[in-house]
Amino acid sequence: MPFHPVTAALMYRGIYTVPNILAEQHPVEIPEDELEEIREAFKVFDRDGNGFISKQELGTAMRSLGYMPNEVELEVIIQRLDMD
């Protein structure tokens, strides 16, 4: 299940919190240079390199950013942000 790279970057930068992300309904415009940074950050969290961030990888990423999600929260985030 993929994790939306724009949302990931906003979390990475500390701009969004989990409730804000889940409420967001419209696309966010980000300059190309920032998108490249987001792609690089995505690659760091996509440990197995398959182009997707799993629930386990998402948990690791969020904990590294100071969030402490439980399994249910991770599942809800994955289901709501799955762009597939």
C-alpha atoms as a PDB file:
ATOM      1  CA  MET A   1       0.000   0.000   0.000  1.00  0.00           C
ATOM      2  CA  PRO A   2       1.575   3.312  -1.000  1.00  0.00           C
ATOM      3  CA  PHE A   3       1.882   6.300   1.244  1.00  0.00           C
ATOM      4  CA  HIS A   4       1.246   9.607  -0.519  1.00  0.00           C
ATOM      5  CA  PRO A   5       4.668  11.297  -0.933  1.00  0.00           C
ATOM      6  CA  VAL A   6       3.368  14.852  -0.572  1.00  0.00           C
ATOM      7  CA  THR A   7       1.678  14.029   2.707  1.00  0.00           C
ATOM      8  CA  ALA A   8       4.785  12.202   3.887  1.00  0.00           C
ATOM      9  CA  ALA A   9       6.883  15.279   3.214  1.00  0.00           C
ATOM     10  CA  LEU A  10       4.531  17.532   5.090  1.00  0.00           C
ATOM     11  CA  MET A  11       4.714  15.163   8.068  1.00  0.00           C
ATOM     12  CA  TYR A  12       8.484  15.006   7.663  1.00  0.00           C
ATOM     13  CA  ARG A  13       8.683  18.790   7.822  1.00  0.00           C
ATOM     14  CA  GLY A  14       6.370  18.861  10.859  1.00  0.00           C
ATOM     15  CA  ILE A  15       3.718  20.854   9.013  1.00  0.00           C
ATOM     16  CA  TYR A  16       0.918  18.301   9.456  1.00  0.00           C
ATOM     17  CA  THR A  17      -0.172  16.111  12.304  1.00  0.00           C
ATOM     18  CA  VAL A  18      -2.013  12.833  11.814  1.00  0.00           C
ATOM     19  CA  PRO A  19      -5.492  14.377  12.341  1.00  0.00           C
ATOM     20  CA  ASN A  20      -4.692  17.151   9.827  1.00  0.00           C
ATOM     21  CA  ILE A  21      -3.573  14.621   7.227  1.00  0.00           C
ATOM     22  CA  LEU A  22      -6.717  12.548   7.596  1.00  0.00           C
ATOM     23  CA  ALA A  23      -8.905  15.640   7.144  1.00  0.00           C
ATOM     24  CA  GLU A  24      -7.063  16.887   4.016  1.00  0.00           C
ATOM     25  CA  GLN A  25      -9.124  16.479   0.841  1.00  0.00           C
ATOM     26  CA  HIS A  26      -7.424  18.593  -1.841  1.00  0.00           C
ATOM     27  CA  PRO A  27      -4.032  18.266  -3.523  1.00  0.00           C
ATOM     28  CA  VAL A  28      -1.138  20.346  -2.225  1.00  0.00           C
ATOM     29  CA  GLU A  29       1.161  22.188  -4.647  1.00  0.00           C
ATOM     30  CA  ILE A  30       4.866  21.737  -3.855  1.00  0.00           C
ATOM     31  CA  PRO A  31       7.819  23.105  -5.876  1.00  0.00           C
ATOM     32  CA  GLU A  32       9.894  20.582  -7.864  1.00  0.00           C
ATOM     33  CA  ASP A  33      13.009  20.994  -5.683  1.00  0.00           C
ATOM     34  CA  GLU A  34      10.979  20.117  -2.598  1.00  0.00           C
ATOM     35  CA  LEU A  35       9.430  17.158  -4.406  1.00  0.00           C
ATOM     36  CA  GLU A  36      12.921  15.802  -5.026  1.00  0.00           C
ATOM     37  CA  GLU A  37      13.640  16.059  -1.293  1.00  0.00           C
ATOM     38  CA  ILE A  38      10.381  14.233  -0.623  1.00  0.00           C
ATOM     39  CA  ARG A  39      11.346  11.463  -3.045  1.00  0.00           C
ATOM     40  CA  GLU A  40      14.665  11.034  -1.264  1.00  0.00           C
ATOM     41  CA  ALA A  41      12.943  10.908   2.137  1.00  0.00           C
ATOM     42  CA  PHE A  42      10.473   8.361   0.755  1.00  0.00           C
ATOM     43  CA  LYS A  43      13.357   6.147  -0.315  1.00  0.00           C
ATOM     44  CA  VAL A  44      14.738   6.248   3.235  1.00  0.00           C
ATOM     45  CA  PHE A  45      11.433   5.006   4.679  1.00  0.00           C
ATOM     46  CA  ASP A  46      10.783   2.482   1.895  1.00  0.00           C
ATOM     47  CA  ARG A  47      13.241   0.015   3.411  1.00  0.00           C
ATOM     48  CA  ASP A  48      12.584  -2.848   1.015  1.00  0.00           C
ATOM     49  CA  GLY A  49      12.711  -0.539  -2.031  1.00  0.00           C
ATOM     50  CA  ASN A  50       9.428  -1.772  -3.541  1.00  0.00           C
ATOM     51  CA  GLY A  51       8.031   1.753  -4.093  1.00  0.00           C
ATOM     52  CA  PHE A  52       5.463   1.445  -1.312  1.00  0.00           C
ATOM     53  CA  ILE A  53       5.496   2.164   2.407  1.00  0.00           C
ATOM     54  CA  SER A  54       4.007  -0.690   4.413  1.00  0.00           C
ATOM     55  CA  LYS A  55       2.260  -0.333   7.755  1.00  0.00           C
ATOM     56  CA  GLN A  56       5.479  -1.393   9.478  1.00  0.00           C
ATOM     57  CA  GLU A  57       7.570   1.095   7.482  1.00  0.00           C
ATOM     58  CA  LEU A  58       5.012   3.825   8.194  1.00  0.00           C
ATOM     59  CA  GLY A  59       5.216   3.071  11.921  1.00  0.00           C
ATOM     60  CA  THR A  60       8.996   3.306  11.838  1.00  0.00           C
ATOM     61  CA  ALA A  61       8.841   6.590   9.908  1.00  0.00           C
ATOM     62  CA  MET A  62       6.285   8.122  12.263  1.00  0.00           C
ATOM     63  CA  ARG A  63       8.199   7.055  15.379  1.00  0.00           C
ATOM     64  CA  SER A  64      11.348   8.644  13.937  1.00  0.00           C
ATOM     65  CA  LEU A  65       9.356  11.886  13.655  1.00  0.00           C
ATOM     66  CA  GLY A  66       8.181  11.716  17.259  1.00  0.00           C
ATOM     67  CA  TYR A  67       4.724  10.202  16.748  1.00  0.00           C
ATOM     68  CA  MET A  68       3.781   7.055  18.661  1.00  0.00           C
ATOM     69  CA  PRO A  69       0.970   5.453  16.632  1.00  0.00           C
ATOM     70  CA  ASN A  70      -0.553   2.146  17.667  1.00  0.00           C
ATOM     71  CA  GLU A  71      -1.399  -0.634  15.184  1.00  0.00           C
ATOM     72  CA  VAL A  72      -5.013   0.504  14.767  1.00  0.00           C
ATOM     73  CA  GLU A  73      -3.970   4.092  14.014  1.00  0.00           C
ATOM     74  CA  LEU A  74      -1.445   2.865  11.456  1.00  0.00           C
ATOM     75  CA  GLU A  75      -4.090   0.731   9.763  1.00  0.00           C
ATOM     76  CA  VAL A  76      -6.514   3.675   9.600  1.00  0.00           C
ATOM     77  CA  ILE A  77      -3.801   5.929   8.136  1.00  0.00           C
ATOM     78  CA  ILE A  78      -2.829   3.321   5.542  1.00  0.00           C
ATOM     79  CA  GLN A  79      -6.458   2.769   4.520  1.00  0.00           C
ATOM     80  CA  ARG A  80      -7.275   6.480   4.265  1.00  0.00           C
ATOM     81  CA  LEU A  81      -4.088   7.524   2.478  1.00  0.00           C
ATOM     82  CA  ASP A  82      -3.819   4.615   0.076  1.00  0.00           C
ATOM     83  CA  MET A  83      -3.699   6.366  -3.308  1.00  0.00           C
ATOM     84  CA  ASP A  84      -3.926   3.133  -5.314  1.00  0.00           C
END
